Amino acid sequence: MTLPSLHLNLADDYRRLQQTEPAYEHLELARKHLDQLPDNPYGNLIRSGVQHVADALAAGNTQPLESSPST
């Protein structure tokens, strides 16, 4: 079983380390498995997190995101 939240967290970590290739790889793995998530607040949180990390990665932003659970 692949966990979209795990791949999302790894993508965000790699983004912050300026390691764009593995960040994009994990972001794609997270996206690939979003359909496994329930249609509830948790699933919505992960789906929106994928978009936030994708946007930050595309912008070259390496700062912690407000949506990050670690902030």
N, C-alpha and C. Protein backbone atom coordinates (compact mmCIF):
# COMPACT_ATOMS: atom_id res chain seq x y z
N MET A 1 0.85 -1.18 0.00
CA MET A 1 0.00 0.00 0.00
C MET A 1 0.89 1.25 0.00
N THR A 2 0.58 2.16 -0.88
CA THR A 2 1.32 3.41 -0.94
C THR A 2 0.56 4.48 -0.18
N LEU A 3 1.27 5.24 0.61
CA LEU A 3 0.65 6.28 1.42
C LEU A 3 0.88 7.65 0.79
N PRO A 4 -0.17 8.27 0.26
CA PRO A 4 0.01 9.59 -0.35
C PRO A 4 0.60 10.61 0.62
N SER A 5 0.23 10.54 1.89
CA SER A 5 0.74 11.53 2.85
C SER A 5 2.24 11.37 3.05
N LEU A 6 2.74 10.14 3.03
CA LEU A 6 4.18 9.91 3.16
C LEU A 6 4.92 10.54 1.98
N HIS A 7 4.43 10.30 0.78
CA HIS A 7 5.08 10.87 -0.40
C HIS A 7 4.98 12.39 -0.43
N LEU A 8 3.87 12.92 0.06
CA LEU A 8 3.73 14.36 0.16
C LEU A 8 4.77 14.94 1.11
N ASN A 9 4.94 14.33 2.26
CA ASN A 9 5.94 14.81 3.22
C ASN A 9 7.35 14.71 2.66
N LEU A 10 7.65 13.62 1.97
CA LEU A 10 8.98 13.48 1.37
C LEU A 10 9.18 14.53 0.27
N ALA A 11 8.17 14.76 -0.54
CA ALA A 11 8.28 15.78 -1.58
C ALA A 11 8.56 17.15 -0.97
N ASP A 12 7.87 17.46 0.11
CA ASP A 12 8.08 18.75 0.76
C ASP A 12 9.49 18.83 1.37
N ASP A 13 9.94 17.76 1.98
CA ASP A 13 11.29 17.75 2.55
C ASP A 13 12.34 17.96 1.46
N TYR A 14 12.21 17.23 0.35
CA TYR A 14 13.17 17.40 -0.75
C TYR A 14 13.09 18.80 -1.35
N ARG A 15 11.88 19.35 -1.43
CA ARG A 15 11.72 20.73 -1.93
C ARG A 15 12.51 21.69 -1.06
N ARG A 16 12.39 21.54 0.25
CA ARG A 16 13.08 22.44 1.16
C ARG A 16 14.59 22.25 1.11
N LEU A 17 15.04 21.08 0.72
CA LEU A 17 16.47 20.81 0.57
C LEU A 17 16.99 21.17 -0.82
N GLN A 18 16.12 21.73 -1.65
CA GLN A 18 16.45 22.11 -3.03
C GLN A 18 16.83 20.91 -3.88
N GLN A 19 16.25 19.78 -3.58
CA GLN A 19 16.45 18.55 -4.35
C GLN A 19 15.20 18.35 -5.21
N THR A 20 15.14 19.06 -6.34
CA THR A 20 13.90 19.11 -7.10
C THR A 20 13.51 17.79 -7.75
N GLU A 21 14.46 17.03 -8.26
CA GLU A 21 14.12 15.78 -8.93
C GLU A 21 13.40 14.81 -8.00
N PRO A 22 13.97 14.49 -6.82
CA PRO A 22 13.22 13.59 -5.94
C PRO A 22 11.94 14.24 -5.40
N ALA A 23 11.91 15.56 -5.28
CA ALA A 23 10.68 16.23 -4.85
C ALA A 23 9.58 15.98 -5.86
N TYR A 24 9.87 16.16 -7.14
CA TYR A 24 8.88 15.92 -8.18
C TYR A 24 8.48 14.44 -8.24
N GLU A 25 9.43 13.54 -8.03
CA GLU A 25 9.12 12.11 -8.05
C GLU A 25 8.13 11.75 -6.95
N HIS A 26 8.37 12.23 -5.75
CA HIS A 26 7.47 11.91 -4.64
C HIS A 26 6.13 12.64 -4.77
N LEU A 27 6.15 13.81 -5.34
CA LEU A 27 4.90 14.51 -5.59
C LEU A 27 4.04 13.72 -6.57
N GLU A 28 4.66 13.18 -7.60
CA GLU A 28 3.92 12.37 -8.57
C GLU A 28 3.38 11.10 -7.91
N LEU A 29 4.17 10.47 -7.06
CA LEU A 29 3.68 9.28 -6.35
C LEU A 29 2.50 9.63 -5.44
N ALA A 30 2.57 10.77 -4.80
CA ALA A 30 1.44 11.20 -3.95
C ALA A 30 0.21 11.40 -4.82
N ARG A 31 0.36 12.09 -5.94
CA ARG A 31 -0.78 12.35 -6.83
C ARG A 31 -1.37 11.05 -7.36
N LYS A 32 -0.50 10.11 -7.68
CA LYS A 32 -0.94 8.84 -8.26
C LYS A 32 -1.87 8.08 -7.32
N HIS A 33 -1.73 8.31 -6.03
CA HIS A 33 -2.50 7.54 -5.05
C HIS A 33 -3.52 8.36 -4.27
N LEU A 34 -3.81 9.57 -4.75
CA LEU A 34 -4.80 10.40 -4.05
C LEU A 34 -6.18 9.76 -4.03
N ASP A 35 -6.45 8.92 -5.02
CA ASP A 35 -7.77 8.28 -5.07
C ASP A 35 -7.98 7.29 -3.92
N GLN A 36 -6.91 6.93 -3.22
CA GLN A 36 -7.03 6.04 -2.06
C GLN A 36 -7.55 6.78 -0.83
N LEU A 37 -7.52 8.08 -0.88
CA LEU A 37 -7.92 8.88 0.28
C LEU A 37 -9.43 9.02 0.36
N PRO A 38 -9.95 9.05 1.57
CA PRO A 38 -11.40 9.24 1.72
C PRO A 38 -11.79 10.68 1.38
N ASP A 39 -13.06 10.85 1.10
CA ASP A 39 -13.59 12.19 0.84
C ASP A 39 -14.03 12.78 2.17
N ASN A 40 -13.04 13.22 2.93
CA ASN A 40 -13.30 13.80 4.26
C ASN A 40 -12.23 14.86 4.52
N PRO A 41 -12.26 15.51 5.67
CA PRO A 41 -11.27 16.58 5.92
C PRO A 41 -9.82 16.12 5.79
N TYR A 42 -9.51 14.90 6.23
CA TYR A 42 -8.13 14.42 6.11
C TYR A 42 -7.73 14.29 4.64
N GLY A 43 -8.58 13.65 3.84
CA GLY A 43 -8.30 13.51 2.42
C GLY A 43 -8.15 14.86 1.74
N ASN A 44 -9.02 15.79 2.09
CA ASN A 44 -8.94 17.14 1.53
C ASN A 44 -7.65 17.84 1.92
N LEU A 45 -7.20 17.62 3.17
CA LEU A 45 -5.95 18.22 3.64
C LEU A 45 -4.77 17.72 2.80
N ILE A 46 -4.72 16.43 2.55
CA ILE A 46 -3.62 15.86 1.76
C ILE A 46 -3.68 16.35 0.32
N ARG A 47 -4.88 16.36 -0.26
CA ARG A 47 -5.02 16.84 -1.64
C ARG A 47 -4.59 18.31 -1.76
N SER A 48 -4.99 19.14 -0.82
CA SER A 48 -4.59 20.55 -0.89
C SER A 48 -3.09 20.69 -0.62
N GLY A 49 -2.55 19.84 0.25
CA GLY A 49 -1.11 19.86 0.51
C GLY A 49 -0.30 19.55 -0.73
N VAL A 50 -0.78 18.60 -1.53
CA VAL A 50 -0.10 18.27 -2.78
C VAL A 50 -0.04 19.51 -3.68
N GLN A 51 -1.15 20.23 -3.76
CA GLN A 51 -1.17 21.43 -4.60
C GLN A 51 -0.25 22.52 -4.04
N HIS A 52 -0.23 22.70 -2.73
CA HIS A 52 0.64 23.72 -2.12
C HIS A 52 2.11 23.40 -2.37
N VAL A 53 2.49 22.14 -2.20
CA VAL A 53 3.89 21.76 -2.43
C VAL A 53 4.23 21.91 -3.90
N ALA A 54 3.33 21.52 -4.79
CA ALA A 54 3.57 21.66 -6.23
C ALA A 54 3.77 23.13 -6.60
N ASP A 55 2.93 23.99 -6.06
CA ASP A 55 3.06 25.42 -6.35
C ASP A 55 4.38 25.98 -5.83
N ALA A 56 4.75 25.60 -4.61
CA ALA A 56 6.00 26.08 -4.02
C ALA A 56 7.21 25.56 -4.80
N LEU A 57 7.14 24.31 -5.21
CA LEU A 57 8.23 23.71 -5.98
C LEU A 57 8.38 24.43 -7.32
N ALA A 58 7.29 24.69 -7.98
CA ALA A 58 7.33 25.39 -9.28
C ALA A 58 7.88 26.80 -9.13
N ALA A 59 7.62 27.43 -7.98
CA ALA A 59 8.09 28.80 -7.74
C ALA A 59 9.52 28.84 -7.20
N GLY A 60 10.09 27.68 -6.92
CA GLY A 60 11.44 27.66 -6.36
C GLY A 60 11.49 28.05 -4.89
N ASN A 61 10.35 28.00 -4.23
CA ASN A 61 10.25 28.38 -2.82
C ASN A 61 10.75 27.23 -1.93
N THR A 62 11.72 27.50 -1.09
CA THR A 62 12.25 26.47 -0.19
C THR A 62 11.88 26.76 1.27
N GLN A 63 11.05 27.74 1.50
CA GLN A 63 10.64 28.10 2.86
C GLN A 63 9.54 27.15 3.35
N PRO A 64 9.42 26.98 4.66
CA PRO A 64 8.33 26.17 5.19
C PRO A 64 6.98 26.77 4.76
N LEU A 65 6.05 25.91 4.46
CA LEU A 65 4.73 26.34 4.04
C LEU A 65 3.80 26.46 5.24
N GLU A 66 2.88 27.40 5.18
CA GLU A 66 1.91 27.54 6.26
C GLU A 66 1.09 26.28 6.44
N SER A 67 0.88 25.55 5.35
CA SER A 67 0.08 24.32 5.40
C SER A 67 0.86 23.13 5.93
N SER A 68 2.15 23.30 6.17
CA SER A 68 2.98 22.19 6.65
C SER A 68 2.61 21.82 8.08
N PRO A 69 2.47 20.52 8.36
CA PRO A 69 2.16 20.12 9.73
C PRO A 69 3.26 20.46 10.73
N SER A 70 4.47 20.67 10.25
CA SER A 70 5.58 20.94 11.16
C SER A 70 5.74 22.40 11.51
N THR A 71 4.87 23.29 10.95
CA THR A 71 4.98 24.72 11.28
C THR A 71 3.99 25.11 12.32
